[in-house]
């Protein structure tokens, strides 16, 4: 059983030399278990793992009871379980060890077995999708990155070439219709005439019909972004399953990689206003580059480059 509480937000924690470690194991449904070796507290009923949502005000937290691990010989390993049925708000959750009324102690990451998160396939009969991936922060502490979405458009292969971007993906929790569209929405982009840039839409081609989800392919011409949004700016990619359906953010979250913007990097390509590849790469101009945001959402960035030798 879990309990949800709220506390004032605290300052970031830096681990000490004696901070305990938690081994994390993921199951195929998206649940997580945390095993912590804490000698001398197996008989305590008030030991818990505390997850605090970072940058929330007031701070939101979820408390998971710690219980002795079955089969542990010396009784020093405690386990907390975060079931897939417990929703966590989207964001970064920091992990702490709580013993009674004592001060919360920041946890360090131990060994992680996240193999079941790779190529995870959500069931079509669910009402929400929770994805939680444990990771080590820049201070070396244990945290979780959480997503809470449904429907969900999972990005697959991304091909930036020939003046545009081809996106392959799979839609879960909704059906594609003949009016399905990929939408590129400007993020603080202004139109060339000084007004507000409008979304750029392109048709979606349905792909194979698997047992779960609906495959799709769409091609976005960079020149359309230039004509609508001007020289520079970021464009967020959304999938609209049908004319009257709500759009779904295109993201890549069904694996074990927390920060894809650091791992999956795509080349910046020269682009002309007509969407063709710009052969004058050394003369300066515009480049377009697809990328994943810090939340693993798919976007495209248009940037102006300086001429070589300037």
Protein backbone atom coordinates (compact mmCIF):
# COMPACT_ATOMS: atom_id res chain seq x y z
CA UNK A 1 0.00 0.00 0.00
CA UNK A 2 1.25 3.50 -0.77
CA UNK A 3 0.54 6.85 0.79
CA UNK A 4 0.82 10.28 -0.78
CA UNK A 5 1.93 13.29 1.27
CA UNK A 6 3.04 16.84 0.60
CA UNK A 7 6.01 18.61 2.17
CA UNK A 8 7.79 21.92 1.52
CA UNK A 9 10.37 21.68 -1.24
CA UNK A 10 13.94 21.13 -0.07
CA UNK A 11 17.39 21.90 -1.43
CA UNK A 12 19.28 19.44 -3.65
CA UNK A 13 21.12 16.66 -1.85
CA UNK A 14 24.74 15.64 -2.28
CA UNK A 15 25.44 12.03 -1.26
CA UNK A 16 27.60 11.26 1.75
CA UNK A 17 30.13 8.44 2.03
CA UNK A 18 27.73 6.24 4.03
CA UNK A 19 24.60 6.77 1.92
CA UNK A 20 22.76 3.47 1.31
CA UNK A 21 22.35 2.03 -2.18
CA UNK A 22 19.21 0.68 -3.83
CA UNK A 23 19.22 -2.07 -6.45
CA UNK A 24 16.38 -1.51 -8.95
CA UNK A 25 14.53 -4.16 -10.97
CA UNK A 26 11.83 -3.41 -13.54
CA UNK A 27 9.01 -5.74 -14.50
CA UNK A 28 7.35 -6.01 -17.91
CA UNK A 29 4.26 -4.08 -16.76
CA UNK A 30 6.34 -1.05 -15.78
CA UNK A 31 6.57 -1.65 -12.03
CA UNK A 32 9.81 -1.22 -10.06
CA UNK A 33 11.27 -2.89 -6.97
CA UNK A 34 14.01 -1.36 -4.80
CA UNK A 35 16.29 -3.55 -2.63
CA UNK A 36 18.23 -1.69 0.07
CA UNK A 37 20.73 -3.27 2.47
CA UNK A 38 20.16 -1.66 5.87
CA UNK A 39 21.52 -3.83 8.75
CA UNK A 40 19.61 -3.82 12.02
CA UNK A 41 16.23 -2.48 10.86
CA UNK A 42 14.53 -5.63 9.51
CA UNK A 43 12.19 -5.73 12.50
CA UNK A 44 11.11 -2.08 12.07
CA UNK A 45 7.64 -1.43 10.67
CA UNK A 46 8.28 2.26 9.98
CA UNK A 47 11.06 1.95 7.37
CA UNK A 48 10.09 3.37 3.99
CA UNK A 49 11.38 4.51 0.63
CA UNK A 50 10.30 8.10 -0.06
CA UNK A 51 9.97 9.52 -3.57
CA UNK A 52 9.82 13.32 -3.84
CA UNK A 53 8.76 15.13 -6.99
CA UNK A 54 11.44 17.68 -7.79
CA UNK A 55 10.53 21.35 -8.29
CA UNK A 56 6.93 20.91 -7.11
CA UNK A 57 5.45 23.47 -4.72
CA UNK A 58 4.44 22.33 -2.21
CA UNK A 59 6.58 19.24 -2.70
CA UNK A 60 4.65 16.09 -3.57
CA UNK A 61 5.89 12.73 -2.34
CA UNK A 62 4.98 9.03 -2.40
CA UNK A 63 5.91 6.78 0.53
CA UNK A 64 6.54 3.07 -0.15
CA UNK A 65 6.84 0.68 2.83
CA UNK A 66 10.09 -1.31 3.13
CA UNK A 67 9.75 -4.97 4.12
CA UNK A 68 12.35 -7.73 4.70
CA UNK A 69 13.28 -9.47 1.47
CA UNK A 70 12.14 -13.08 1.45
CA UNK A 71 15.07 -15.48 1.36
CA UNK A 72 17.65 -12.96 2.59
CA UNK A 73 19.86 -14.86 5.04
CA UNK A 74 20.82 -12.12 7.47
CA UNK A 75 17.61 -10.11 7.13
CA UNK A 76 19.43 -6.88 6.26
CA UNK A 77 17.90 -6.37 2.80
CA UNK A 78 14.61 -4.46 2.65
CA UNK A 79 12.41 -4.22 -0.44
CA UNK A 80 10.02 -1.49 -1.56
CA UNK A 81 7.71 -2.02 -4.53
CA UNK A 82 6.30 0.62 -6.84
CA UNK A 83 3.52 -1.19 -8.76
CA UNK A 84 2.69 -0.23 -12.32
CA UNK A 85 -0.85 0.54 -11.08
CA UNK A 86 0.37 3.49 -8.96
CA UNK A 87 0.49 6.68 -11.10
CA UNK A 88 3.36 9.14 -10.70
CA UNK A 89 3.09 12.67 -12.09
CA UNK A 90 5.43 13.43 -14.97
CA UNK A 91 8.80 14.72 -13.86
CA UNK A 92 11.89 13.81 -11.83
CA UNK A 93 11.42 12.00 -8.51
CA UNK A 94 14.27 11.87 -5.98
CA UNK A 95 14.62 8.73 -3.80
CA UNK A 96 15.21 8.75 -0.01
CA UNK A 97 15.41 6.22 2.81
CA UNK A 98 13.20 6.94 5.83
CA UNK A 99 13.62 5.16 9.19
CA UNK A 100 10.91 6.14 11.68
CA UNK A 101 10.91 9.86 12.44
CA UNK A 102 14.55 10.25 11.44
CA UNK A 103 15.83 12.52 8.71
CA UNK A 104 15.36 11.36 5.13
CA UNK A 105 18.62 10.04 3.68
CA UNK A 106 19.34 10.33 -0.04
CA UNK A 107 19.76 6.98 -1.78
CA UNK A 108 22.52 6.06 -4.21
CA UNK A 109 21.91 3.80 -7.23
CA UNK A 110 23.07 0.20 -6.95
CA UNK A 111 22.69 -2.45 -9.65
CA UNK A 112 19.78 -1.96 -12.06
CA UNK A 113 18.03 -4.60 -14.14
CA UNK A 114 15.89 -2.70 -16.64
CA UNK A 115 15.81 -5.25 -19.45
CA UNK A 116 12.03 -5.59 -19.30
CA UNK A 117 11.64 -1.90 -20.19
CA UNK A 118 13.29 -2.36 -23.59
CA UNK A 119 10.78 -2.63 -26.46
CA UNK A 120 7.91 -2.56 -23.99
CA UNK A 121 4.50 -2.96 -25.65
CA UNK A 122 1.56 -1.32 -23.80
CA UNK A 123 -1.75 -3.15 -23.74
CA UNK A 124 -4.58 -1.56 -25.72
CA UNK A 125 -7.11 -2.05 -22.90
CA UNK A 126 -5.44 0.31 -20.44
CA UNK A 127 -6.64 3.82 -19.54
CA UNK A 128 -3.22 5.37 -18.82
CA UNK A 129 0.43 4.56 -19.47
CA UNK A 130 3.03 5.05 -16.74
CA UNK A 131 6.73 4.87 -17.57
CA UNK A 132 9.34 5.13 -14.81
CA UNK A 133 13.11 4.83 -15.41
CA UNK A 134 15.62 4.97 -12.52
CA UNK A 135 18.87 6.84 -13.13
CA UNK A 136 21.85 8.48 -11.40
CA UNK A 137 21.75 12.29 -11.10
CA UNK A 138 24.76 14.50 -11.74
CA UNK A 139 25.50 14.27 -7.98
CA UNK A 140 25.39 10.45 -8.14
CA UNK A 141 22.04 10.10 -6.35
CA UNK A 142 19.14 7.81 -7.27
CA UNK A 143 16.16 9.39 -9.02
CA UNK A 144 13.30 8.33 -11.29
CA UNK A 145 12.10 9.94 -14.48
CA UNK A 146 8.34 9.51 -14.87
CA UNK A 147 5.94 9.86 -17.80
CA UNK A 148 2.15 9.61 -17.53
CA UNK A 149 0.44 9.50 -20.93
CA UNK A 150 -2.41 7.94 -22.93
CA UNK A 151 -2.83 7.83 -25.85
CA UNK A 152 0.87 7.65 -26.69
CA UNK A 153 2.73 8.06 -30.00
CA UNK A 154 6.07 6.24 -29.74
CA UNK A 155 8.77 7.46 -32.14
CA UNK A 156 10.69 4.76 -33.96
CA UNK A 157 13.22 5.24 -36.75
CA UNK A 158 13.99 8.88 -37.61
CA UNK A 159 15.47 9.68 -41.03
CA UNK A 160 16.70 13.25 -41.70
CA UNK A 161 17.57 13.42 -45.39
CA UNK A 162 16.74 15.13 -48.70
CA UNK A 163 15.54 18.38 -47.17
CA UNK A 164 13.16 16.86 -44.65
CA UNK A 165 12.48 14.40 -41.86
CA UNK A 166 10.77 11.02 -42.16
CA UNK A 167 9.25 9.79 -38.90
CA UNK A 168 8.26 6.17 -38.28
CA UNK A 169 6.27 5.44 -35.13
CA UNK A 170 3.48 3.57 -33.42
CA UNK A 171 0.29 4.90 -31.87
CA UNK A 172 -1.14 3.29 -28.72
CA UNK A 173 -4.51 3.98 -27.15
CA UNK A 174 -6.17 5.48 -30.24
CA UNK A 175 -6.93 4.57 -33.85
CA UNK A 176 -5.55 6.19 -36.95
CA UNK A 177 -8.14 7.49 -39.40
CA UNK A 178 -7.81 8.60 -43.05
CA UNK A 179 -7.52 12.20 -41.81
CA UNK A 180 -4.57 11.48 -39.48
CA UNK A 181 -1.86 14.17 -39.59
CA UNK A 182 1.59 14.87 -38.21
CA UNK A 183 1.70 18.41 -36.83
CA UNK A 184 4.80 20.52 -36.32
CA UNK A 185 3.93 23.22 -33.79
CA UNK A 186 6.12 26.28 -33.34
CA UNK A 187 7.64 26.90 -29.93
CA UNK A 188 7.92 30.68 -29.62
CA UNK A 189 8.34 31.01 -33.39
CA UNK A 190 7.21 34.05 -35.35
CA UNK A 191 6.07 34.02 -38.96
CA UNK A 192 8.15 35.88 -41.59
CA UNK A 193 5.51 38.64 -41.69
CA UNK A 194 5.87 39.23 -37.95
CA UNK A 195 2.67 37.40 -36.97
CA UNK A 196 2.32 34.16 -35.08
CA UNK A 197 3.56 31.04 -36.87
CA UNK A 198 0.92 28.39 -37.52
CA UNK A 199 1.34 24.62 -37.22
CA UNK A 200 2.63 22.79 -40.28
CA UNK A 201 0.67 19.62 -41.03
CA UNK A 202 1.53 16.65 -43.27
CA UNK A 203 -0.46 13.46 -43.99
CA UNK A 204 0.23 10.22 -42.14
CA UNK A 205 0.57 6.89 -43.92
CA UNK A 206 -0.60 3.87 -41.88
CA UNK A 207 2.01 1.12 -41.66
CA UNK A 208 1.65 -2.53 -40.67
CA UNK A 209 -1.24 -3.71 -38.50
CA UNK A 210 0.40 -5.38 -35.45
CA UNK A 211 -1.35 -7.03 -32.52
CA UNK A 212 -0.75 -3.89 -30.44
CA UNK A 213 -0.64 -0.29 -31.58
CA UNK A 214 -0.91 1.23 -35.04
CA UNK A 215 2.20 1.89 -37.12
CA UNK A 216 2.54 5.17 -39.02
CA UNK A 217 4.96 7.05 -41.27
CA UNK A 218 5.05 10.77 -42.09
CA UNK A 219 7.47 13.04 -43.94
CA UNK A 220 7.99 16.66 -42.92
CA UNK A 221 9.71 19.05 -45.35
CA UNK A 222 12.03 21.51 -43.63
CA UNK A 223 11.18 24.15 -46.20
CA UNK A 224 7.58 24.25 -44.93
CA UNK A 225 8.88 25.16 -41.48
CA UNK A 226 11.06 27.92 -42.95
CA UNK A 227 8.20 29.41 -44.96
CA UNK A 228 5.81 29.36 -42.01
CA UNK A 229 8.14 30.15 -39.10
CA UNK A 230 10.94 32.15 -40.62
CA UNK A 231 14.64 31.70 -40.05
CA UNK A 232 14.97 30.14 -36.61
CA UNK A 233 12.98 28.32 -33.94
CA UNK A 234 11.98 25.00 -32.41
CA UNK A 235 9.07 22.89 -33.66
CA UNK A 236 7.34 20.25 -31.53
CA UNK A 237 5.99 17.17 -33.32
CA UNK A 238 2.46 15.94 -32.56
CA UNK A 239 0.32 13.20 -34.07
CA UNK A 240 -3.38 13.93 -34.60
CA UNK A 241 -5.09 10.53 -35.12
CA UNK A 242 -8.13 12.10 -36.79
CA UNK A 243 -9.61 15.45 -37.72
CA UNK A 244 -11.70 15.64 -34.53
CA UNK A 245 -9.21 13.83 -32.24
CA UNK A 246 -6.94 15.43 -29.69
CA UNK A 247 -3.25 15.60 -30.75
CA UNK A 248 -0.71 13.29 -29.11
CA UNK A 249 2.90 14.32 -28.47
CA UNK A 250 5.41 12.20 -30.40
CA UNK A 251 8.00 10.88 -27.94
CA UNK A 252 10.31 7.94 -27.33
CA UNK A 253 9.83 6.58 -23.82
CA UNK A 254 9.34 2.80 -24.16
CA UNK A 255 12.91 1.75 -23.35
CA UNK A 256 15.52 2.20 -20.61
CA UNK A 257 17.22 5.41 -21.82
CA UNK A 258 16.39 8.38 -19.58
CA UNK A 259 18.02 11.29 -21.44
CA UNK A 260 17.83 10.63 -25.15
CA UNK A 261 18.92 14.16 -26.04
CA UNK A 262 22.39 13.14 -24.76
CA UNK A 263 22.45 9.71 -26.44
CA UNK A 264 20.45 9.87 -29.69
CA UNK A 265 21.89 12.72 -31.71
CA UNK A 266 20.95 13.49 -35.32
CA UNK A 267 22.92 15.57 -37.85
CA UNK A 268 22.05 19.15 -38.70
CA UNK A 269 21.39 19.47 -42.43
CA UNK A 270 21.63 22.62 -44.56
CA UNK A 271 18.20 23.56 -45.85
CA UNK A 272 16.84 26.08 -48.35
CA UNK A 273 13.48 27.80 -48.17
CA UNK A 274 12.10 25.45 -50.82
CA UNK A 275 12.89 22.45 -48.59
CA UNK A 276 15.72 21.12 -50.77
CA UNK A 277 19.14 20.34 -49.38
CA UNK A 278 21.31 23.46 -49.59
CA UNK A 279 24.46 22.63 -51.52
CA UNK A 280 26.18 25.83 -50.43
CA UNK A 281 27.00 24.44 -47.00
CA UNK A 282 29.96 26.78 -46.53
CA UNK A 283 28.14 29.99 -47.40
CA UNK A 284 26.05 30.21 -44.25
CA UNK A 285 22.30 29.89 -44.04
CA UNK A 286 19.87 27.63 -42.22
CA UNK A 287 20.24 24.16 -40.79
CA UNK A 288 17.54 21.81 -39.48
CA UNK A 289 18.17 19.18 -36.82
CA UNK A 290 15.73 16.74 -35.18
CA UNK A 291 16.33 16.14 -31.48
CA UNK A 292 14.78 14.75 -28.31
CA UNK A 293 14.00 17.18 -25.51
CA UNK A 294 14.80 16.59 -21.84
CA UNK A 295 11.41 14.86 -21.61
CA UNK A 296 12.25 12.63 -24.63
CA UNK A 297 9.72 14.43 -26.85
CA UNK A 298 10.62 14.72 -30.54
CA UNK A 299 11.28 18.21 -31.94
CA UNK A 300 13.05 19.94 -34.83
CA UNK A 301 15.34 22.97 -34.46
CA UNK A 302 15.99 25.51 -37.21
CA UNK A 303 19.19 27.52 -36.69
CA UNK A 304 21.05 30.14 -38.66
CA UNK A 305 24.69 29.35 -39.36
CA UNK A 306 27.57 31.70 -39.94
CA UNK A 307 29.50 31.60 -43.23
CA UNK A 308 32.76 29.64 -43.04
CA UNK A 309 35.77 31.74 -42.17
CA UNK A 310 33.70 34.54 -40.59
